[in-house]
Amino acid sequence: MTDEQINAVIARALNADEHWMIQKDYCHDLNAMHEAEKAFDCPELYEGNLIKVCGGVQYMWHATACQRAEAFLRTLGKWEEVQK
């Protein structure tokens, strides 16, 4: 997925308005991802996906915004692999 696709899908998942969708860059802004992560009532599944994306539990605390965005979309079942 491209950064633009990721940003749009996360914004739609959060029911963000058009202005919000334009302003937030979930792929590069840890603050934006922190706000998005608050949407999960039960964060354990998200944390499991984040561990997988980061390559292990020891790395999840240093996850980039892009890694967090991927884990977020995987948790929602909205991640799409890039076709080669």
C-alpha atoms as a PDB file:
ATOM      1  CA  MET A   1       0.000   0.000   0.000  1.00  0.00           C
ATOM      2  CA  THR A   2       1.156   3.528  -0.644  1.00  0.00           C
ATOM      3  CA  ASP A   3       1.407   6.086   2.149  1.00  0.00           C
ATOM      4  CA  GLU A   4      -1.590   7.919   0.692  1.00  0.00           C
ATOM      5  CA  GLN A   5      -3.685   4.733   0.681  1.00  0.00           C
ATOM      6  CA  ILE A   6      -2.667   3.920   4.258  1.00  0.00           C
ATOM      7  CA  ASN A   7      -3.513   7.433   5.454  1.00  0.00           C
ATOM      8  CA  ALA A   8      -6.910   7.352   3.722  1.00  0.00           C
ATOM      9  CA  VAL A   9      -7.890   3.910   5.053  1.00  0.00           C
ATOM     10  CA  ILE A  10      -6.921   4.801   8.627  1.00  0.00           C
ATOM     11  CA  ALA A  11      -8.796   8.101   8.423  1.00  0.00           C
ATOM     12  CA  ARG A  12     -11.895   6.299   7.106  1.00  0.00           C
ATOM     13  CA  ALA A  13     -11.587   3.671   9.854  1.00  0.00           C
ATOM     14  CA  LEU A  14     -11.579   6.468  12.422  1.00  0.00           C
ATOM     15  CA  ASN A  15     -14.565   8.146  10.725  1.00  0.00           C
ATOM     16  CA  ALA A  16     -12.487  11.257  10.208  1.00  0.00           C
ATOM     17  CA  ASP A  17     -13.908  14.168   8.262  1.00  0.00           C
ATOM     18  CA  GLU A  18     -12.367  15.382   4.991  1.00  0.00           C
ATOM     19  CA  HIS A  19     -10.230  18.050   6.697  1.00  0.00           C
ATOM     20  CA  TRP A  20      -8.820  15.485   9.117  1.00  0.00           C
ATOM     21  CA  MET A  21      -7.960  13.118   6.249  1.00  0.00           C
ATOM     22  CA  ILE A  22      -5.917  15.815   4.535  1.00  0.00           C
ATOM     23  CA  GLN A  23      -4.081  16.910   7.686  1.00  0.00           C
ATOM     24  CA  LYS A  24      -2.978  13.597   9.197  1.00  0.00           C
ATOM     25  CA  ASP A  25       0.036  11.652   7.953  1.00  0.00           C
ATOM     26  CA  TYR A  26      -0.259   8.397   9.864  1.00  0.00           C
ATOM     27  CA  CYS A  27       2.720   6.895   8.025  1.00  0.00           C
ATOM     28  CA  HIS A  28       5.160   9.501   9.317  1.00  0.00           C
ATOM     29  CA  ASP A  29       3.614  11.050  12.429  1.00  0.00           C
ATOM     30  CA  LEU A  30       3.872   9.106  15.693  1.00  0.00           C
ATOM     31  CA  ASN A  31       1.450  11.526  17.355  1.00  0.00           C
ATOM     32  CA  ALA A  32      -1.193  10.794  14.730  1.00  0.00           C
ATOM     33  CA  MET A  33      -0.695   7.051  15.204  1.00  0.00           C
ATOM     34  CA  HIS A  34      -0.908   7.441  18.968  1.00  0.00           C
ATOM     35  CA  GLU A  35      -4.332   9.034  18.518  1.00  0.00           C
ATOM     36  CA  ALA A  36      -5.379   6.264  16.122  1.00  0.00           C
ATOM     37  CA  GLU A  37      -4.232   3.539  18.526  1.00  0.00           C
ATOM     38  CA  LYS A  38      -6.630   4.882  21.147  1.00  0.00           C
ATOM     39  CA  ALA A  39      -9.498   3.618  18.959  1.00  0.00           C
ATOM     40  CA  PHE A  40      -8.918   0.005  20.010  1.00  0.00           C
ATOM     41  CA  ASP A  41     -11.079  -1.193  22.886  1.00  0.00           C
ATOM     42  CA  CYS A  42      -8.966  -4.324  23.208  1.00  0.00           C
ATOM     43  CA  PRO A  43      -5.394  -3.538  22.101  1.00  0.00           C
ATOM     44  CA  GLU A  44      -3.956  -7.041  22.513  1.00  0.00           C
ATOM     45  CA  LEU A  45      -4.587  -8.037  18.876  1.00  0.00           C
ATOM     46  CA  TYR A  46      -3.029  -4.779  17.676  1.00  0.00           C
ATOM     47  CA  GLU A  47       0.006  -5.354  19.888  1.00  0.00           C
ATOM     48  CA  GLY A  48       0.383  -8.859  18.478  1.00  0.00           C
ATOM     49  CA  ASN A  49       0.337  -7.488  14.947  1.00  0.00           C
ATOM     50  CA  LEU A  50       2.810  -4.771  15.901  1.00  0.00           C
ATOM     51  CA  ILE A  51       5.204  -7.398  17.269  1.00  0.00           C
ATOM     52  CA  LYS A  52       4.955  -9.319  13.974  1.00  0.00           C
ATOM     53  CA  VAL A  53       5.526  -6.201  11.869  1.00  0.00           C
ATOM     54  CA  CYS A  54       8.515  -5.137  13.982  1.00  0.00           C
ATOM     55  CA  GLY A  55      10.119  -8.563  14.083  1.00  0.00           C
ATOM     56  CA  GLY A  56       9.824  -9.221  17.794  1.00  0.00           C
ATOM     57  CA  VAL A  57       8.582  -7.923  21.109  1.00  0.00           C
ATOM     58  CA  GLN A  58      11.911  -6.287  21.912  1.00  0.00           C
ATOM     59  CA  TYR A  59      11.482  -3.981  18.903  1.00  0.00           C
ATOM     60  CA  MET A  60       7.815  -3.000  19.219  1.00  0.00           C
ATOM     61  CA  TRP A  61       8.577  -0.109  21.588  1.00  0.00           C
ATOM     62  CA  HIS A  62      10.727   1.464  18.875  1.00  0.00           C
ATOM     63  CA  ALA A  63       8.186   0.997  16.083  1.00  0.00           C
ATOM     64  CA  THR A  64       8.026   3.701  13.471  1.00  0.00           C
ATOM     65  CA  ALA A  65       4.773   5.418  12.561  1.00  0.00           C
ATOM     66  CA  CYS A  66       4.728   3.419   9.325  1.00  0.00           C
ATOM     67  CA  GLN A  67       5.088   0.107  11.192  1.00  0.00           C
ATOM     68  CA  ARG A  68       2.326   1.143  13.574  1.00  0.00           C
ATOM     69  CA  ALA A  69       0.092   2.096  10.640  1.00  0.00           C
ATOM     70  CA  GLU A  70       0.638  -1.320   9.036  1.00  0.00           C
ATOM     71  CA  ALA A  71      -0.147  -3.125  12.296  1.00  0.00           C
ATOM     72  CA  PHE A  72      -3.238  -0.932  12.727  1.00  0.00           C
ATOM     73  CA  LEU A  73      -4.559  -1.897   9.295  1.00  0.00           C
ATOM     74  CA  ARG A  74      -3.673  -5.566   9.768  1.00  0.00           C
ATOM     75  CA  THR A  75      -5.670  -5.537  12.997  1.00  0.00           C
ATOM     76  CA  LEU A  76      -8.692  -4.153  11.137  1.00  0.00           C
ATOM     77  CA  GLY A  77      -8.198  -6.643   8.292  1.00  0.00           C
ATOM     78  CA  LYS A  78      -7.654  -3.794   5.841  1.00  0.00           C
ATOM     79  CA  TRP A  79      -3.979  -4.261   4.975  1.00  0.00           C
ATOM     80  CA  GLU A  80      -3.321  -5.046   1.315  1.00  0.00           C
ATOM     81  CA  GLU A  81      -0.010  -6.459   0.164  1.00  0.00           C
ATOM     82  CA  VAL A  82       1.618  -4.707  -2.763  1.00  0.00           C
ATOM     83  CA  GLN A  83       1.352  -6.739  -5.962  1.00  0.00           C
ATOM     84  CA  LYS A  84       4.723  -7.322  -7.660  1.00  0.00           C
END
